[in-house]
Amino acid sequence: MAKRTQKSGATARFGARYGVTVRRRAGSAIAKKSRNYTCPECHYPKVSRQVAGIWECKKCEHKFTGGVWEPFTRASDSNNRITRRGMEGATATDMTVIAQQAALDYERKLAEESSNDEEE
């Protein structure tokens, strides 16, 4: 005979209360909070949550801020990228876009000059 229910994991303590969706969301948040993440300094998978938003590496004792449930959020990734661009200057992709824009501007300028010559 087949099983009719799934294993609840960390949300088993809620029993049949609060509904499936709420228990599922709570389970994913608890799983994110309790797993070990990779340290940005020593690259060792020993980063754990101290309190909401504070994360610490157990190996090198590097403490840093992050999200409530995960140390690295999408917003923090984009902020780090923007900060790095500001410190390092333009990246290769940025330089490509700038070069393409300059080429288009140059071609427009040549086209305008040739149209002005034809009119005179």
N, C-alpha and C. Protein backbone atom coordinates (compact mmCIF):
# COMPACT_ATOMS: atom_id res chain seq x y z
N MET A 1 0.83 -1.17 0.00
CA MET A 1 0.00 0.00 0.00
C MET A 1 0.89 1.25 0.00
N ALA A 2 0.51 2.25 -0.78
CA ALA A 2 1.32 3.46 -0.92
C ALA A 2 1.10 4.40 0.27
N LYS A 3 2.14 5.22 0.52
CA LYS A 3 2.02 6.23 1.58
C LYS A 3 1.09 7.34 1.13
N ARG A 4 0.34 7.86 2.05
CA ARG A 4 -0.58 8.93 1.70
C ARG A 4 -0.04 10.31 2.06
N THR A 5 0.97 10.39 2.89
CA THR A 5 1.52 11.68 3.29
C THR A 5 3.01 11.72 3.05
N GLN A 6 3.55 12.92 2.96
CA GLN A 6 4.98 13.10 2.77
C GLN A 6 5.63 13.38 4.11
N LYS A 7 6.94 13.22 4.15
CA LYS A 7 7.67 13.56 5.37
C LYS A 7 7.68 15.08 5.52
N SER A 8 7.49 15.55 6.72
CA SER A 8 7.36 16.98 6.96
C SER A 8 8.68 17.66 7.23
N GLY A 9 9.67 16.95 7.70
CA GLY A 9 10.97 17.56 7.99
C GLY A 9 10.90 18.45 9.21
N ALA A 10 11.46 19.66 9.07
CA ALA A 10 11.54 20.58 10.20
C ALA A 10 10.18 21.12 10.61
N THR A 11 9.18 21.03 9.74
CA THR A 11 7.87 21.58 10.08
C THR A 11 6.94 20.53 10.65
N ALA A 12 7.45 19.36 10.98
CA ALA A 12 6.61 18.31 11.56
C ALA A 12 6.03 18.75 12.90
N ARG A 13 6.72 19.63 13.59
CA ARG A 13 6.25 20.09 14.90
C ARG A 13 4.95 20.89 14.81
N PHE A 14 4.60 21.38 13.60
CA PHE A 14 3.35 22.12 13.45
C PHE A 14 2.15 21.21 13.30
N GLY A 15 2.40 19.92 13.02
CA GLY A 15 1.31 18.97 12.88
C GLY A 15 0.44 19.31 11.68
N ALA A 16 -0.87 19.23 11.87
CA ALA A 16 -1.82 19.51 10.79
C ALA A 16 -2.26 20.97 10.78
N ARG A 17 -1.65 21.78 11.60
CA ARG A 17 -2.07 23.18 11.72
C ARG A 17 -1.46 24.08 10.63
N TYR A 18 -2.05 25.23 10.41
CA TYR A 18 -1.56 26.35 9.60
C TYR A 18 -1.64 26.17 8.09
N GLY A 19 -1.91 25.03 7.57
CA GLY A 19 -2.06 24.84 6.13
C GLY A 19 -0.75 24.42 5.46
N VAL A 20 -0.90 23.77 4.30
CA VAL A 20 0.23 23.21 3.59
C VAL A 20 1.19 24.29 3.09
N THR A 21 0.65 25.35 2.50
CA THR A 21 1.49 26.40 1.91
C THR A 21 2.35 27.08 2.97
N VAL A 22 1.76 27.40 4.10
CA VAL A 22 2.49 28.06 5.17
C VAL A 22 3.59 27.14 5.70
N ARG A 23 3.27 25.87 5.89
CA ARG A 23 4.28 24.92 6.38
C ARG A 23 5.41 24.73 5.36
N ARG A 24 5.05 24.72 4.08
CA ARG A 24 6.07 24.58 3.04
C ARG A 24 7.02 25.77 3.03
N ARG A 25 6.46 26.99 3.10
CA ARG A 25 7.30 28.20 3.14
C ARG A 25 8.17 28.23 4.38
N ALA A 26 7.60 27.86 5.51
CA ALA A 26 8.38 27.83 6.75
C ALA A 26 9.50 26.81 6.64
N GLY A 27 9.22 25.67 6.04
CA GLY A 27 10.25 24.63 5.87
C GLY A 27 11.39 25.09 5.00
N SER A 28 11.09 25.81 3.90
CA SER A 28 12.16 26.29 3.03
C SER A 28 12.98 27.37 3.73
N ALA A 29 12.33 28.23 4.52
CA ALA A 29 13.07 29.27 5.26
C ALA A 29 13.97 28.65 6.31
N ILE A 30 13.47 27.65 7.01
CA ILE A 30 14.28 26.98 8.05
C ILE A 30 15.47 26.27 7.41
N ALA A 31 15.23 25.63 6.26
CA ALA A 31 16.33 24.94 5.57
C ALA A 31 17.39 25.91 5.10
N LYS A 32 16.98 27.06 4.55
CA LYS A 32 17.94 28.08 4.10
C LYS A 32 18.75 28.62 5.27
N LYS A 33 18.07 28.84 6.40
CA LYS A 33 18.70 29.43 7.57
C LYS A 33 19.75 28.49 8.17
N SER A 34 19.44 27.19 8.19
CA SER A 34 20.33 26.29 8.92
C SER A 34 21.44 25.66 8.10
N ARG A 35 21.43 25.78 6.79
CA ARG A 35 22.51 25.13 6.03
C ARG A 35 23.79 25.96 6.07
N ASN A 36 24.92 25.33 5.77
CA ASN A 36 26.20 26.03 5.76
C ASN A 36 26.45 26.61 4.37
N TYR A 37 26.96 27.83 4.34
CA TYR A 37 27.27 28.52 3.09
C TYR A 37 28.78 28.70 2.96
N THR A 38 29.24 29.10 1.78
CA THR A 38 30.66 29.29 1.52
C THR A 38 31.10 30.68 1.97
N CYS A 39 32.23 30.72 2.64
CA CYS A 39 32.77 31.98 3.16
C CYS A 39 33.34 32.82 2.01
N PRO A 40 33.05 34.14 1.96
CA PRO A 40 33.62 34.97 0.91
C PRO A 40 35.11 35.25 1.09
N GLU A 41 35.63 35.03 2.28
CA GLU A 41 37.05 35.28 2.55
C GLU A 41 37.90 34.03 2.31
N CYS A 42 37.59 32.94 3.02
CA CYS A 42 38.45 31.74 2.95
C CYS A 42 37.87 30.67 2.03
N HIS A 43 36.67 30.88 1.49
CA HIS A 43 36.01 29.96 0.55
C HIS A 43 35.83 28.56 1.16
N TYR A 44 35.58 28.51 2.44
CA TYR A 44 35.36 27.24 3.14
C TYR A 44 33.88 27.16 3.50
N PRO A 45 33.22 26.05 3.30
CA PRO A 45 31.77 25.98 3.54
C PRO A 45 31.41 25.88 5.02
N LYS A 46 31.70 26.91 5.78
CA LYS A 46 31.43 26.89 7.21
C LYS A 46 30.70 28.14 7.69
N VAL A 47 30.05 28.88 6.80
CA VAL A 47 29.34 30.09 7.20
C VAL A 47 27.98 29.69 7.75
N SER A 48 27.67 30.16 8.96
CA SER A 48 26.37 29.90 9.54
C SER A 48 25.79 31.19 10.10
N ARG A 49 24.50 31.18 10.34
CA ARG A 49 23.79 32.37 10.79
C ARG A 49 23.94 32.54 12.30
N GLN A 50 24.30 33.75 12.73
CA GLN A 50 24.37 34.06 14.16
C GLN A 50 23.01 34.57 14.65
N VAL A 51 22.56 35.66 14.07
CA VAL A 51 21.22 36.21 14.31
C VAL A 51 20.71 36.68 12.95
N ALA A 52 19.51 37.24 12.92
CA ALA A 52 18.91 37.65 11.65
C ALA A 52 19.80 38.66 10.93
N GLY A 53 20.35 38.27 9.79
CA GLY A 53 21.16 39.17 8.97
C GLY A 53 22.64 39.18 9.29
N ILE A 54 23.10 38.49 10.34
CA ILE A 54 24.52 38.44 10.69
C ILE A 54 25.02 37.01 10.47
N TRP A 55 26.06 36.88 9.67
CA TRP A 55 26.61 35.58 9.31
C TRP A 55 28.08 35.54 9.71
N GLU A 56 28.57 34.35 10.13
CA GLU A 56 29.95 34.22 10.58
C GLU A 56 30.53 32.90 10.08
N CYS A 57 31.79 32.97 9.64
CA CYS A 57 32.52 31.78 9.22
C CYS A 57 33.12 31.14 10.47
N LYS A 58 32.93 29.84 10.62
CA LYS A 58 33.45 29.14 11.79
C LYS A 58 34.95 28.89 11.69
N LYS A 59 35.49 28.96 10.48
CA LYS A 59 36.92 28.69 10.31
C LYS A 59 37.77 29.95 10.51
N CYS A 60 37.48 30.99 9.72
CA CYS A 60 38.31 32.20 9.79
C CYS A 60 37.69 33.29 10.65
N GLU A 61 36.49 33.04 11.20
CA GLU A 61 35.77 33.96 12.07
C GLU A 61 35.45 35.30 11.39
N HIS A 62 35.29 35.28 10.07
CA HIS A 62 34.90 36.49 9.33
C HIS A 62 33.41 36.70 9.53
N LYS A 63 33.03 37.88 10.03
CA LYS A 63 31.63 38.23 10.26
C LYS A 63 31.19 39.23 9.22
N PHE A 64 30.01 39.03 8.66
CA PHE A 64 29.49 39.96 7.66
C PHE A 64 27.97 39.95 7.70
N THR A 65 27.38 40.96 7.07
CA THR A 65 25.93 41.06 7.03
C THR A 65 25.42 40.47 5.72
N GLY A 66 24.19 40.04 5.75
CA GLY A 66 23.57 39.47 4.57
C GLY A 66 22.07 39.51 4.75
N GLY A 67 21.39 38.62 4.05
CA GLY A 67 19.95 38.54 4.18
C GLY A 67 19.55 37.86 5.47
N VAL A 68 18.27 37.87 5.77
CA VAL A 68 17.79 37.24 6.99
C VAL A 68 17.90 35.73 6.89
N TRP A 69 17.54 35.16 5.75
CA TRP A 69 17.56 33.70 5.61
C TRP A 69 18.78 33.20 4.86
N GLU A 70 19.36 34.00 3.98
CA GLU A 70 20.54 33.60 3.21
C GLU A 70 21.59 34.71 3.31
N PRO A 71 22.88 34.35 3.31
CA PRO A 71 23.91 35.40 3.42
C PRO A 71 24.05 36.25 2.17
N PHE A 72 23.72 35.68 1.00
CA PHE A 72 23.89 36.41 -0.25
C PHE A 72 22.55 36.45 -0.96
N THR A 73 21.98 37.65 -1.10
CA THR A 73 20.70 37.81 -1.78
C THR A 73 20.93 38.37 -3.18
N ARG A 74 19.89 38.41 -3.98
CA ARG A 74 20.02 38.97 -5.32
C ARG A 74 20.38 40.45 -5.26
N ALA A 75 19.81 41.16 -4.29
CA ALA A 75 20.11 42.58 -4.15
C ALA A 75 21.56 42.79 -3.74
N SER A 76 22.08 41.94 -2.85
CA SER A 76 23.48 42.11 -2.43
C SER A 76 24.43 41.79 -3.57
N ASP A 77 24.07 40.81 -4.41
CA ASP A 77 24.91 40.49 -5.57
C ASP A 77 25.00 41.69 -6.52
N SER A 78 23.86 42.31 -6.81
CA SER A 78 23.89 43.45 -7.73
C SER A 78 24.59 44.64 -7.10
N ASN A 79 24.43 44.84 -5.79
CA ASN A 79 25.14 45.93 -5.12
C ASN A 79 26.65 45.70 -5.15
N ASN A 80 27.07 44.47 -4.93
CA ASN A 80 28.51 44.16 -5.00
C ASN A 80 29.05 44.40 -6.40
N ARG A 81 28.27 44.06 -7.42
CA ARG A 81 28.69 44.26 -8.80
C ARG A 81 28.85 45.75 -9.10
N ILE A 82 27.89 46.55 -8.64
CA ILE A 82 27.96 47.99 -8.86
C ILE A 82 29.15 48.60 -8.14
N THR A 83 29.38 48.16 -6.91
CA THR A 83 30.52 48.66 -6.13
C THR A 83 31.84 48.29 -6.80
N ARG A 84 31.94 47.05 -7.29
CA ARG A 84 33.16 46.60 -7.95
C ARG A 84 33.41 47.40 -9.23
N ARG A 85 32.35 47.67 -9.99
CA ARG A 85 32.51 48.47 -11.21
C ARG A 85 33.00 49.86 -10.89
N GLY A 86 32.48 50.43 -9.81
CA GLY A 86 32.91 51.77 -9.41
C GLY A 86 34.36 51.80 -9.00
N MET A 87 34.83 50.73 -8.36
CA MET A 87 36.21 50.70 -7.89
C MET A 87 37.17 50.33 -9.01
N GLU A 88 36.78 49.37 -9.86
CA GLU A 88 37.68 48.88 -10.91
C GLU A 88 37.56 49.66 -12.21
N GLY A 89 36.50 50.40 -12.36
CA GLY A 89 36.24 51.06 -13.63
C GLY A 89 35.32 50.19 -14.48
N ALA A 90 35.23 50.50 -15.74
CA ALA A 90 34.32 49.79 -16.63
C ALA A 90 34.82 48.39 -16.92
N THR A 91 33.91 47.45 -17.03
CA THR A 91 34.26 46.06 -17.35
C THR A 91 34.36 45.91 -18.87
N ALA A 92 34.74 44.73 -19.30
CA ALA A 92 34.88 44.45 -20.74
C ALA A 92 33.56 44.61 -21.46
N THR A 93 32.47 44.18 -20.84
CA THR A 93 31.16 44.32 -21.46
C THR A 93 30.79 45.79 -21.60
N ASP A 94 31.07 46.56 -20.55
CA ASP A 94 30.80 48.00 -20.61
C ASP A 94 31.60 48.65 -21.73
N MET A 95 32.86 48.26 -21.85
CA MET A 95 33.72 48.84 -22.89
C MET A 95 33.19 48.50 -24.28
N THR A 96 32.67 47.29 -24.47
CA THR A 96 32.11 46.89 -25.76
C THR A 96 30.91 47.78 -26.11
N VAL A 97 30.03 47.99 -25.14
CA VAL A 97 28.85 48.82 -25.38
C VAL A 97 29.27 50.26 -25.70
N ILE A 98 30.26 50.77 -24.98
CA ILE A 98 30.74 52.14 -25.22
C ILE A 98 31.35 52.25 -26.62
N ALA A 99 32.12 51.24 -27.04
CA ALA A 99 32.73 51.25 -28.37
C ALA A 99 31.67 51.19 -29.46
N GLN A 100 30.63 50.36 -29.27
CA GLN A 100 29.56 50.28 -30.26
C GLN A 100 28.82 51.60 -30.38
N GLN A 101 28.56 52.24 -29.24
CA GLN A 101 27.87 53.53 -29.25
C GLN A 101 28.71 54.58 -29.95
N ALA A 102 30.03 54.58 -29.70
CA ALA A 102 30.92 55.55 -30.35
C ALA A 102 30.95 55.32 -31.86
N ALA A 103 30.95 54.05 -32.29
CA ALA A 103 30.95 53.74 -33.72
C ALA A 103 29.66 54.23 -34.38
N LEU A 104 28.52 54.03 -33.71
CA LEU A 104 27.25 54.51 -34.26
C LEU A 104 27.23 56.04 -34.35
N ASP A 105 27.74 56.70 -33.32
CA ASP A 105 27.80 58.17 -33.34
C ASP A 105 28.68 58.67 -34.48
N TYR A 106 29.82 58.00 -34.69
CA TYR A 106 30.74 58.38 -35.76
C TYR A 106 30.08 58.22 -37.13
N GLU A 107 29.36 57.10 -37.32
CA GLU A 107 28.68 56.86 -38.60
C GLU A 107 27.59 57.90 -38.83
N ARG A 108 26.86 58.27 -37.79
CA ARG A 108 25.83 59.30 -37.92
C ARG A 108 26.45 60.64 -38.30
N LYS A 109 27.59 60.93 -37.68
CA LYS A 109 28.28 62.18 -37.97
C LYS A 109 28.73 62.22 -39.43
N LEU A 110 29.28 61.10 -39.92
CA LEU A 110 29.70 61.03 -41.33
C LEU A 110 28.50 61.18 -42.27
N ALA A 111 27.39 60.54 -41.90
CA ALA A 111 26.19 60.62 -42.74
C ALA A 111 25.66 62.05 -42.79
N GLU A 112 25.68 62.74 -41.65
CA GLU A 112 25.22 64.13 -41.63
C GLU A 112 26.14 65.04 -42.47
N GLU A 113 27.45 64.81 -42.37
CA GLU A 113 28.39 65.62 -43.14
C GLU A 113 28.21 65.38 -44.63
N SER A 114 28.00 64.13 -45.03
CA SER A 114 27.83 63.84 -46.47
C SER A 114 26.49 64.42 -46.96
N SER A 115 25.47 64.42 -46.13
CA SER A 115 24.17 65.00 -46.56
C SER A 115 24.30 66.53 -46.64
N ASN A 116 25.08 67.13 -45.77
CA ASN A 116 25.30 68.59 -45.83
C ASN A 116 26.09 68.95 -47.07
N ASP A 117 27.07 68.15 -47.47
CA ASP A 117 27.87 68.40 -48.68
C ASP A 117 27.01 68.29 -49.93
N GLU A 118 26.09 67.32 -49.95
CA GLU A 118 25.23 67.13 -51.11
C GLU A 118 24.26 68.30 -51.27
N GLU A 119 23.80 68.88 -50.17
CA GLU A 119 22.85 69.99 -50.23
C GLU A 119 23.51 71.26 -50.76
N GLU A 120 24.78 71.45 -50.49
CA GLU A 120 25.48 72.66 -50.91
C GLU A 120 25.92 72.53 -52.31
